[in-house]
């Protein structure tokens, strides 16, 4: 593929950092090499000399002298090299990308940093971008200042609708206003906010349309390990279907190890990951090495089977949380709301039957009823339209709190319906 046509004008002009590029010479360098190239502080002057972290199983991670020096220093922009190697092994094992020899991987400061970097690398002002409706709210925040045109695609119980996608693309292209999108953003597993998961068939249909219309697929899969089905029976990722080399896949440790460590990674065609890397050179130099070393040491301690045991426990926990939330909703919201039972993730997407828009109800009156949720308008590509939906997160509340929260929400909805009827 010719990737130059996908690169934004700004990204095409961006100059890579010569200093960052030179750090590659430190890898397996000669002991005789005298390094006078970059302004790295002397690690012997750092006040930290030893790091030990106790794990929940009683084991202790001990970051010894050499990894600790790497953790406290500027590092390679693509990421801490042992971690990069571990992640590449994981990607090849879990997804077996058809064009793996042409792919590369870059560690990012959370998946959102990777997605944001990719959007700036790919899109010029005025470009079209394909988005699901509803869409993850922070992606809409990223896009809001970029002066883009949105093609919002309806979702059903399996996510993005292929028929609506094809029809919308055809209309945009035949409009004669430059409506040929470069990029399409998808959340295929336990989508935020809806909780929907695309089947194998649906992913293949969406990928086939991306192939037909020559679109880069941005696969944001932060909830990949929080799908409630056994990991051996998960639908294939878009990256695993990518026979063309048109998928950038974003993975994250935020939901399975720690959100605060801010360690994620993007995998895809090397020309595109190189452009993201150049973007990183001029913005962050490198990600936080201490976080990356900690994740690397943890993965080394656990091994493949240890990671599988950990994610299996997470799936069991969040499945039980989901069940408790659905029970609370069934107990108090039946007749007031509609919802689909999510197959993964941490959210329940609720439609309020008798309320035209949930925004004022939740933002102005929710706190006085001791309940807060995110109004659906926050996830609308066109936020000027009324929205009957709202998103409830069940990750950090107890079943008792869920039951009380849904009872409070039911009271709020009934009062909102009365208020709405009186205004009419």
Protein backbone atom coordinates (compact mmCIF):
# COMPACT_ATOMS: atom_id res chain seq x y z
CA UNK A 1 0.00 0.00 0.00
CA UNK A 2 1.00 3.60 -0.61
CA UNK A 3 0.74 5.08 2.87
CA UNK A 4 1.86 8.57 1.84
CA UNK A 5 -1.70 9.44 0.76
CA UNK A 6 -2.94 8.74 4.29
CA UNK A 7 -0.42 10.95 6.10
CA UNK A 8 -1.63 14.43 7.04
CA UNK A 9 0.16 17.47 5.66
CA UNK A 10 1.42 18.42 9.12
CA UNK A 11 2.72 14.93 9.88
CA UNK A 12 4.42 14.71 6.48
CA UNK A 13 6.38 17.88 7.28
CA UNK A 14 7.27 16.90 10.83
CA UNK A 15 10.98 16.46 11.38
CA UNK A 16 12.13 13.43 13.38
CA UNK A 17 14.35 14.00 16.40
CA UNK A 18 17.97 13.29 15.54
CA UNK A 19 18.81 12.85 19.22
CA UNK A 20 16.01 10.32 19.73
CA UNK A 21 17.09 8.50 16.58
CA UNK A 22 20.66 8.24 17.85
CA UNK A 23 19.59 6.37 20.99
CA UNK A 24 19.27 3.24 18.87
CA UNK A 25 23.09 3.12 18.85
CA UNK A 26 23.01 2.44 22.59
CA UNK A 27 21.36 -0.94 21.97
CA UNK A 28 24.00 -3.69 22.18
CA UNK A 29 26.68 -1.02 21.95
CA UNK A 30 30.36 -1.68 22.50
CA UNK A 31 31.60 -1.26 26.08
CA UNK A 32 34.20 1.08 24.58
CA UNK A 33 31.59 3.47 23.14
CA UNK A 34 31.93 7.00 24.53
CA UNK A 35 28.46 8.57 24.50
CA UNK A 36 28.58 12.35 24.19
CA UNK A 37 25.45 12.71 22.12
CA UNK A 38 22.43 13.57 24.27
CA UNK A 39 21.64 15.51 27.43
CA UNK A 40 20.79 12.57 29.64
CA UNK A 41 21.27 13.22 33.37
CA UNK A 42 23.72 11.00 35.21
CA UNK A 43 21.69 8.08 36.64
CA UNK A 44 24.16 7.64 39.50
CA UNK A 45 22.91 10.99 40.85
CA UNK A 46 19.27 9.93 41.05
CA UNK A 47 18.06 9.45 44.67
CA UNK A 48 16.32 6.11 44.00
CA UNK A 49 18.45 3.03 44.55
CA UNK A 50 16.02 0.15 44.96
CA UNK A 51 12.40 -0.59 44.05
CA UNK A 52 10.37 -3.50 45.40
CA UNK A 53 6.68 -3.99 44.70
CA UNK A 54 4.54 -6.54 46.50
CA UNK A 55 1.94 -8.30 44.34
CA UNK A 56 -1.50 -9.43 45.45
CA UNK A 57 -0.37 -13.07 45.43
CA UNK A 58 2.40 -12.34 47.90
CA UNK A 59 5.22 -12.35 45.33
CA UNK A 60 7.65 -9.43 45.20
CA UNK A 61 8.92 -7.69 42.08
CA UNK A 62 12.45 -6.48 42.65
CA UNK A 63 13.71 -4.01 40.06
CA UNK A 64 17.43 -4.53 40.21
CA UNK A 65 20.20 -2.08 39.38
CA UNK A 66 20.34 -2.22 35.57
CA UNK A 67 16.56 -2.19 34.94
CA UNK A 68 16.21 0.55 37.54
CA UNK A 69 18.76 2.75 35.77
CA UNK A 70 16.78 2.27 32.55
CA UNK A 71 13.53 3.00 34.40
CA UNK A 72 14.79 6.34 35.71
CA UNK A 73 16.38 7.56 32.47
CA UNK A 74 15.15 8.85 29.13
CA UNK A 75 14.45 5.78 27.03
CA UNK A 76 13.89 4.82 23.42
CA UNK A 77 10.80 6.52 21.96
CA UNK A 78 9.30 3.18 20.81
CA UNK A 79 9.43 1.98 24.43
CA UNK A 80 11.57 0.05 26.91
CA UNK A 81 13.11 -2.51 24.59
CA UNK A 82 12.52 -5.66 26.70
CA UNK A 83 8.85 -4.64 26.99
CA UNK A 84 8.59 -3.98 23.25
CA UNK A 85 9.93 -7.48 22.62
CA UNK A 86 7.44 -9.00 25.09
CA UNK A 87 4.53 -7.13 23.51
CA UNK A 88 5.48 -8.19 20.00
CA UNK A 89 5.46 -11.81 21.18
CA UNK A 90 1.99 -11.28 22.68
CA UNK A 91 0.60 -9.63 19.53
CA UNK A 92 1.95 -12.36 17.27
CA UNK A 93 0.58 -15.06 19.59
CA UNK A 94 -2.86 -13.50 20.16
CA UNK A 95 -3.56 -12.02 16.73
CA UNK A 96 -1.19 -13.61 14.19
CA UNK A 97 -1.32 -10.56 11.87
CA UNK A 98 -1.21 -11.76 8.22
CA UNK A 99 1.35 -9.04 7.35
CA UNK A 100 3.31 -9.28 10.59
CA UNK A 101 6.69 -8.87 8.89
CA UNK A 102 5.57 -5.40 7.73
CA UNK A 103 4.25 -4.31 11.14
CA UNK A 104 5.85 -2.54 14.06
CA UNK A 105 4.83 -1.66 17.61
CA UNK A 106 5.15 1.53 19.67
CA UNK A 107 4.48 1.87 23.40
CA UNK A 108 2.24 4.86 24.17
CA UNK A 109 1.19 6.77 27.29
CA UNK A 110 -2.19 5.06 27.48
CA UNK A 111 -4.27 3.99 24.49
CA UNK A 112 -5.84 7.44 24.25
CA UNK A 113 -2.42 8.94 23.56
CA UNK A 114 -1.96 6.44 20.74
CA UNK A 115 -5.38 7.13 19.21
CA UNK A 116 -4.88 10.89 19.46
CA UNK A 117 -1.45 10.64 17.82
CA UNK A 118 -2.86 8.51 15.01
CA UNK A 119 -5.69 10.97 14.33
CA UNK A 120 -3.21 13.83 14.01
CA UNK A 121 -0.92 11.75 11.81
CA UNK A 122 -3.75 10.82 9.43
CA UNK A 123 -6.20 13.71 9.22
CA UNK A 124 -6.13 17.18 7.69
CA UNK A 125 -8.69 19.90 8.42
CA UNK A 126 -11.79 19.20 6.34
CA UNK A 127 -11.15 15.45 6.06
CA UNK A 128 -13.92 12.94 6.64
CA UNK A 129 -13.62 10.40 9.45
CA UNK A 130 -15.97 7.46 10.09
CA UNK A 131 -17.26 7.13 13.66
CA UNK A 132 -19.72 4.84 15.43
CA UNK A 133 -22.90 6.42 16.78
CA UNK A 134 -22.67 6.57 19.78
CA UNK A 135 -18.92 7.09 20.10
CA UNK A 136 -16.44 7.08 22.99
CA UNK A 137 -16.69 10.61 24.36
CA UNK A 138 -12.96 11.32 24.69
CA UNK A 139 -12.42 10.54 21.01
CA UNK A 140 -15.04 13.17 20.22
CA UNK A 141 -13.05 15.56 22.46
CA UNK A 142 -9.86 14.76 20.51
CA UNK A 143 -11.58 15.43 17.20
CA UNK A 144 -13.44 18.55 18.28
CA UNK A 145 -10.63 21.00 17.50
CA UNK A 146 -9.49 19.41 14.24
CA UNK A 147 -12.13 20.91 11.92
CA UNK A 148 -13.18 17.54 10.48
CA UNK A 149 -16.34 16.20 8.88
CA UNK A 150 -17.95 13.22 10.59
CA UNK A 151 -19.69 10.24 9.07
CA UNK A 152 -21.68 8.82 11.98
CA UNK A 153 -22.67 5.16 11.52
CA UNK A 154 -25.60 3.59 13.34
CA UNK A 155 -24.95 0.80 15.82
CA UNK A 156 -27.11 -2.25 16.47
CA UNK A 157 -26.71 -5.10 18.97
CA UNK A 158 -23.42 -6.08 17.26
CA UNK A 159 -21.96 -2.62 16.83
CA UNK A 160 -21.40 -0.68 13.62
CA UNK A 161 -24.01 -1.54 10.93
CA UNK A 162 -22.36 -2.55 7.64
CA UNK A 163 -25.34 -1.61 5.43
CA UNK A 164 -25.50 1.88 6.89
CA UNK A 165 -21.71 2.19 6.64
CA UNK A 166 -21.70 1.34 2.94
CA UNK A 167 -24.65 3.60 2.15
CA UNK A 168 -23.13 6.52 4.08
CA UNK A 169 -19.76 6.13 2.37
CA UNK A 170 -21.39 6.04 -1.06
CA UNK A 171 -23.38 9.20 -0.32
CA UNK A 172 -20.29 11.01 0.94
CA UNK A 173 -18.23 10.05 -2.08
CA UNK A 174 -20.91 10.95 -4.65
CA UNK A 175 -21.56 14.29 -2.97
CA UNK A 176 -18.60 15.73 -4.85
CA UNK A 177 -17.33 17.52 -1.74
CA UNK A 178 -14.20 15.47 -1.14
CA UNK A 179 -16.02 12.98 1.03
CA UNK A 180 -13.55 10.08 0.77
CA UNK A 181 -12.66 9.16 4.36
CA UNK A 182 -9.13 8.19 5.32
CA UNK A 183 -9.89 6.66 8.69
CA UNK A 184 -12.56 4.74 10.57
CA UNK A 185 -12.62 4.45 14.37
CA UNK A 186 -14.06 1.25 15.88
CA UNK A 187 -14.29 -0.26 19.38
CA UNK A 188 -15.01 -3.90 18.51
CA UNK A 189 -15.02 -5.49 21.98
CA UNK A 190 -17.30 -4.37 24.84
CA UNK A 191 -17.70 -0.99 23.17
CA UNK A 192 -17.65 2.13 25.32
CA UNK A 193 -20.42 3.22 25.93
CA UNK A 194 -22.81 0.56 24.60
CA UNK A 195 -21.08 -2.64 25.79
CA UNK A 196 -21.67 -4.28 22.38
CA UNK A 197 -19.18 -6.76 20.92
CA UNK A 198 -18.84 -7.37 17.19
CA UNK A 199 -19.15 -10.97 16.01
CA UNK A 200 -16.57 -12.54 13.69
CA UNK A 201 -18.98 -12.05 10.77
CA UNK A 202 -19.58 -8.38 11.59
CA UNK A 203 -15.85 -7.65 11.86
CA UNK A 204 -15.26 -9.34 8.52
CA UNK A 205 -18.05 -7.27 6.93
CA UNK A 206 -16.68 -3.99 8.28
CA UNK A 207 -13.13 -4.89 7.23
CA UNK A 208 -14.31 -5.79 3.72
CA UNK A 209 -15.92 -2.34 3.39
CA UNK A 210 -12.72 -0.68 4.64
CA UNK A 211 -10.84 -2.63 1.96
CA UNK A 212 -13.35 -1.64 -0.74
CA UNK A 213 -13.21 2.08 0.11
CA UNK A 214 -9.49 2.10 1.04
CA UNK A 215 -9.86 3.27 4.64
CA UNK A 216 -7.44 2.93 7.57
CA UNK A 217 -9.11 1.13 10.50
CA UNK A 218 -8.33 2.44 13.99
CA UNK A 219 -9.10 -0.54 16.23
CA UNK A 220 -9.38 0.67 19.84
CA UNK A 221 -9.58 -2.55 21.87
CA UNK A 222 -9.02 -1.54 25.50
CA UNK A 223 -11.58 -4.12 26.68
CA UNK A 224 -10.16 -7.06 24.72
CA UNK A 225 -9.28 -8.97 27.92
CA UNK A 226 -12.58 -8.04 29.61
CA UNK A 227 -14.80 -9.95 27.22
CA UNK A 228 -16.71 -12.42 29.36
CA UNK A 229 -16.28 -15.38 27.01
CA UNK A 230 -13.24 -17.59 27.47
CA UNK A 231 -10.18 -16.06 25.78
CA UNK A 232 -9.83 -19.12 23.56
CA UNK A 233 -13.25 -18.38 21.99
CA UNK A 234 -12.99 -14.66 21.27
CA UNK A 235 -13.79 -13.29 17.80
CA UNK A 236 -10.70 -12.37 15.77
CA UNK A 237 -9.38 -8.84 15.99
CA UNK A 238 -9.34 -6.53 12.99
CA UNK A 239 -5.55 -6.82 13.11
CA UNK A 240 -5.84 -10.60 12.68
CA UNK A 241 -8.06 -10.02 9.61
CA UNK A 242 -5.75 -7.42 8.10
CA UNK A 243 -4.54 -8.88 4.81
CA UNK A 244 -4.01 -5.38 3.35
CA UNK A 245 -2.01 -3.63 6.05
CA UNK A 246 -4.69 -1.04 6.89
CA UNK A 247 -5.28 -1.60 10.63
CA UNK A 248 -3.77 0.34 13.51
CA UNK A 249 -4.59 -1.57 16.69
CA UNK A 250 -4.55 0.06 20.15
CA UNK A 251 -4.12 -2.13 23.25
CA UNK A 252 -3.86 -1.04 26.86
CA UNK A 253 -2.89 -2.32 30.29
CA UNK A 254 -5.12 0.27 31.99
CA UNK A 255 -8.08 -2.06 32.50
CA UNK A 256 -6.10 -5.17 33.42
CA UNK A 257 -2.98 -4.05 35.36
CA UNK A 258 -3.15 -0.36 36.29
CA UNK A 259 -4.76 2.74 34.81
CA UNK A 260 -2.27 5.01 36.55
CA UNK A 261 0.82 3.43 35.01
CA UNK A 262 -0.30 4.74 31.59
CA UNK A 263 1.17 1.93 29.49
CA UNK A 264 -0.42 0.97 26.18
CA UNK A 265 0.76 0.14 22.67
CA UNK A 266 -0.16 0.60 19.04
CA UNK A 267 0.54 -2.05 16.40
CA UNK A 268 0.26 -1.69 12.65
CA UNK A 269 1.98 -0.98 9.35
CA UNK A 270 5.49 0.34 9.94
CA UNK A 271 5.06 3.54 7.86
CA UNK A 272 2.14 4.52 10.10
CA UNK A 273 3.78 3.57 13.40
CA UNK A 274 6.91 5.46 12.26
CA UNK A 275 4.76 8.56 11.72
CA UNK A 276 3.30 8.16 15.22
CA UNK A 277 6.83 7.77 16.58
CA UNK A 278 7.89 11.03 14.95
CA UNK A 279 4.86 12.68 16.54
CA UNK A 280 6.03 11.37 19.93
CA UNK A 281 9.59 12.65 19.39
CA UNK A 282 8.34 16.23 19.34
CA UNK A 283 5.80 15.91 22.15
CA UNK A 284 6.85 13.52 24.94
CA UNK A 285 10.31 12.21 23.84
CA UNK A 286 9.43 8.89 25.43
CA UNK A 287 6.85 7.35 27.71
CA UNK A 288 7.43 6.92 31.47
CA UNK A 289 10.15 4.31 31.63
CA UNK A 290 9.50 3.36 35.26
CA UNK A 291 5.96 2.30 34.35
CA UNK A 292 7.20 0.35 31.34
CA UNK A 293 9.92 -1.43 33.31
CA UNK A 294 7.39 -2.32 36.01
CA UNK A 295 5.00 -3.84 33.46
CA UNK A 296 7.86 -5.68 31.78
CA UNK A 297 9.05 -7.17 35.06
CA UNK A 298 5.50 -8.18 35.95
CA UNK A 299 4.99 -9.94 32.61
CA UNK A 300 8.31 -11.71 33.10
CA UNK A 301 7.28 -12.79 36.61
CA UNK A 302 3.88 -14.06 35.45
CA UNK A 303 4.75 -15.57 32.09
CA UNK A 304 2.02 -16.34 29.54
CA UNK A 305 0.08 -18.64 31.87
CA UNK A 306 0.23 -16.18 34.76
CA UNK A 307 -1.23 -13.42 32.59
CA UNK A 308 -4.00 -15.77 31.46
CA UNK A 309 -4.84 -16.66 35.06
CA UNK A 310 -4.97 -12.98 35.97
CA UNK A 311 -7.26 -11.98 33.08
CA UNK A 312 -9.50 -15.01 33.77
CA UNK A 313 -9.99 -13.73 37.32
CA UNK A 314 -10.78 -10.27 35.98
CA UNK A 315 -13.38 -11.64 33.57
CA UNK A 316 -15.02 -13.58 36.40
CA UNK A 317 -15.11 -10.50 38.63
CA UNK A 318 -16.50 -8.12 36.02
CA UNK A 319 -19.03 -10.70 34.83
CA UNK A 320 -20.35 -10.90 38.41
CA UNK A 321 -20.41 -7.10 38.57
CA UNK A 322 -22.36 -7.04 35.31
CA UNK A 323 -24.86 -9.56 36.67
CA UNK A 324 -25.35 -7.52 39.84
CA UNK A 325 -25.93 -4.33 37.83
CA UNK A 326 -28.43 -6.02 35.52
CA UNK A 327 -30.26 -7.40 38.57
CA UNK A 328 -30.40 -3.92 40.11
CA UNK A 329 -31.67 -2.44 36.85
CA UNK A 330 -34.27 -5.19 36.47
CA UNK A 331 -35.44 -4.63 40.04
CA UNK A 332 -35.89 -0.86 39.81
CA UNK A 333 -35.89 0.26 36.16
CA UNK A 334 -38.18 -2.25 34.47
CA UNK A 335 -40.79 -0.22 32.60
CA UNK A 336 -38.67 2.94 32.87
CA UNK A 337 -35.60 1.94 30.85
CA UNK A 338 -34.46 -0.49 28.18
CA UNK A 339 -31.02 -2.08 27.96
CA UNK A 340 -29.06 -4.87 26.34
CA UNK A 341 -26.93 -7.16 28.50
CA UNK A 342 -23.26 -6.40 27.72
CA UNK A 343 -20.91 -9.25 26.79
CA UNK A 344 -17.90 -7.55 28.28
CA UNK A 345 -16.49 -4.36 29.73
CA UNK A 346 -17.73 -2.25 32.63
CA UNK A 347 -20.76 -0.33 31.33
CA UNK A 348 -24.53 -0.68 31.07
CA UNK A 349 -26.12 1.49 28.34
CA UNK A 350 -29.63 2.52 29.34
CA UNK A 351 -32.41 4.08 27.25
CA UNK A 352 -34.95 6.07 29.28
CA UNK A 353 -38.33 5.36 27.70
CA UNK A 354 -40.30 8.41 28.85
CA UNK A 355 -37.62 11.13 28.78
CA UNK A 356 -36.69 13.04 25.63
CA UNK A 357 -33.17 13.94 26.78
CA UNK A 358 -31.22 12.82 29.85
CA UNK A 359 -28.72 15.68 30.01
CA UNK A 360 -30.45 18.13 32.36
CA UNK A 361 -31.94 15.28 34.38
CA UNK A 362 -28.51 13.89 35.18
CA UNK A 363 -26.30 16.98 35.14
CA UNK A 364 -28.62 19.36 37.02
CA UNK A 365 -30.86 17.13 39.13
CA UNK A 366 -29.01 13.81 39.51
CA UNK A 367 -26.78 14.82 42.39
CA UNK A 368 -29.78 15.97 44.48
CA UNK A 369 -31.14 12.40 44.11
CA UNK A 370 -27.75 10.89 45.07
CA UNK A 371 -27.10 9.36 41.66
CA UNK A 372 -24.70 10.30 38.86
CA UNK A 373 -24.38 8.75 35.41
CA UNK A 374 -23.05 10.09 32.11
CA UNK A 375 -25.78 11.44 29.82
CA UNK A 376 -25.94 9.92 26.36
CA UNK A 377 -25.39 13.27 24.66
CA UNK A 378 -21.73 13.12 25.73
CA UNK A 379 -21.34 10.18 23.33
CA UNK A 380 -23.32 11.69 20.43
CA UNK A 381 -21.43 12.61 17.30
CA UNK A 382 -24.03 15.37 16.89
CA UNK A 383 -24.53 16.63 20.43
CA UNK A 384 -27.16 19.16 19.37
CA UNK A 385 -29.78 16.41 19.12
CA UNK A 386 -31.76 15.17 22.15
CA UNK A 387 -30.59 11.85 23.54
CA UNK A 388 -32.58 9.39 25.67
CA UNK A 389 -29.57 7.31 26.72
CA UNK A 390 -27.20 7.26 29.69
CA UNK A 391 -24.17 5.20 30.71
CA UNK A 392 -23.76 3.47 34.06
CA UNK A 393 -20.34 2.16 35.13
CA UNK A 394 -20.36 -0.90 37.40
CA UNK A 395 -16.64 -1.50 37.90
CA UNK A 396 -16.08 0.13 41.31
CA UNK A 397 -19.42 -0.13 43.12
CA UNK A 398 -20.71 -2.94 45.33
CA UNK A 399 -23.92 -4.84 44.52
CA UNK A 400 -25.55 -3.03 47.44
CA UNK A 401 -24.56 0.35 46.03
CA UNK A 402 -25.84 -0.69 42.59
CA UNK A 403 -29.21 -1.60 44.06
CA UNK A 404 -29.44 1.68 45.95
CA UNK A 405 -28.23 3.65 42.93
CA UNK A 406 -30.80 2.14 40.59
CA UNK A 407 -33.53 2.83 43.16
CA UNK A 408 -32.42 6.47 43.31
CA UNK A 409 -32.28 6.62 39.51
CA UNK A 410 -35.82 5.27 39.24
CA UNK A 411 -37.08 8.05 41.51
CA UNK A 412 -35.21 10.64 39.47
CA UNK A 413 -36.67 9.34 36.20
CA UNK A 414 -40.23 9.38 37.54
CA UNK A 415 -39.84 12.97 38.70
CA UNK A 416 -38.31 13.91 35.33
CA UNK A 417 -41.27 12.41 33.48
CA UNK A 418 -43.64 14.40 35.69
CA UNK A 419 -41.61 17.57 35.10
CA UNK A 420 -41.57 16.96 31.36
CA UNK A 421 -45.33 16.31 31.25
CA UNK A 422 -46.04 19.51 33.20
CA UNK A 423 -43.90 21.54 30.78
CA UNK A 424 -45.72 20.04 27.79
